[in-house]
Amino acid sequence: MLYHMGFMAQTAQGYYGTALAGSKRTDLALAYEKANLKTLGIARKWFVSWRKTSGLNSQPPLAPNRKELAQDK
């Protein structure tokens, strides 16, 4: 569930940025910026909780030792 929240927040940021860039109405620019800043806050909270739980604390998968595997045969 934690990964889904980060994905949704980052996707929303992309949508708001695209809407802001593509909109010709200047009155909507402030609304898009407010929504994007709110989403940035959510993404920041997600990143902090992700980092504390599993994100950067775990070791990435390692490649097998090929020399050791070749000697077993």
Protein backbone atom coordinates (compact mmCIF):
# COMPACT_ATOMS: atom_id res chain seq x y z
CA MET A 1 0.00 0.00 0.00
CA LEU A 2 2.87 2.33 0.77
CA TYR A 3 4.22 2.07 -2.76
CA HIS A 4 0.81 2.82 -4.26
CA MET A 5 0.54 6.07 -2.34
CA GLY A 6 3.86 7.30 -3.69
CA PHE A 7 2.92 6.36 -7.22
CA MET A 8 -0.41 8.14 -7.01
CA ALA A 9 1.11 11.31 -5.53
CA GLN A 10 3.81 11.46 -8.21
CA THR A 11 1.29 10.78 -10.96
CA ALA A 12 -0.92 13.59 -9.67
CA GLN A 13 2.06 15.94 -9.73
CA GLY A 14 2.62 15.09 -13.37
CA TYR A 15 -1.02 15.67 -14.22
CA TYR A 16 -1.11 19.04 -12.45
CA GLY A 17 2.11 20.10 -14.17
CA THR A 18 0.77 19.11 -17.57
CA ALA A 19 -2.51 20.92 -16.92
CA LEU A 20 -0.65 24.03 -15.81
CA ALA A 21 1.56 24.03 -18.89
CA GLY A 22 -1.29 23.35 -21.30
CA SER A 23 -3.88 25.69 -19.86
CA LYS A 24 -4.38 29.04 -21.52
CA ARG A 25 -6.48 30.35 -18.66
CA THR A 26 -4.40 32.40 -16.26
CA ASP A 27 -7.00 32.20 -13.50
CA LEU A 28 -6.45 28.44 -13.21
CA ALA A 29 -2.69 28.73 -12.71
CA LEU A 30 -3.06 29.49 -9.00
CA ALA A 31 -5.46 26.59 -8.50
CA TYR A 32 -3.09 24.16 -10.22
CA GLU A 33 -0.15 25.43 -8.18
CA LYS A 34 -2.06 25.03 -4.90
CA ALA A 35 -3.06 21.49 -5.82
CA ASN A 36 0.52 20.66 -6.85
CA LEU A 37 1.94 22.02 -3.58
CA LYS A 38 -0.57 19.96 -1.61
CA THR A 39 0.45 16.87 -3.55
CA LEU A 40 4.13 17.68 -2.91
CA GLY A 41 3.41 17.64 0.82
CA ILE A 42 1.76 14.24 0.50
CA ALA A 43 4.69 12.91 -1.56
CA ARG A 44 7.17 14.19 1.04
CA LYS A 45 5.30 12.44 3.87
CA TRP A 46 5.23 9.27 1.78
CA PHE A 47 8.97 9.43 1.10
CA VAL A 48 9.83 9.92 4.77
CA SER A 49 7.70 6.95 5.83
CA TRP A 50 9.01 4.82 2.95
CA ARG A 51 12.60 5.59 3.90
CA LYS A 52 11.97 4.70 7.55
CA THR A 53 10.23 1.41 6.84
CA SER A 54 11.89 -0.32 3.94
CA GLY A 55 13.10 1.96 1.22
CA LEU A 56 16.73 2.89 1.66
CA ASN A 57 17.44 0.70 4.69
CA SER A 58 17.43 -2.61 2.88
CA GLN A 59 20.32 -4.00 0.87
CA PRO A 60 19.73 -4.40 -2.87
CA PRO A 61 19.84 -7.89 -4.36
CA LEU A 62 23.36 -9.07 -5.06
CA ALA A 63 24.60 -10.94 -8.10
CA PRO A 64 25.58 -14.58 -7.53
CA ASN A 65 29.27 -15.36 -7.19
CA ARG A 66 29.98 -16.94 -10.58
CA LYS A 67 33.40 -18.32 -9.60
CA GLU A 68 31.84 -20.17 -6.70
CA LEU A 69 29.06 -21.51 -8.90
CA ALA A 70 31.57 -22.71 -11.52
CA GLN A 71 33.60 -24.63 -8.91
CA ASP A 72 30.56 -26.52 -7.64
CA LYS A 73 30.22 -28.46 -10.90
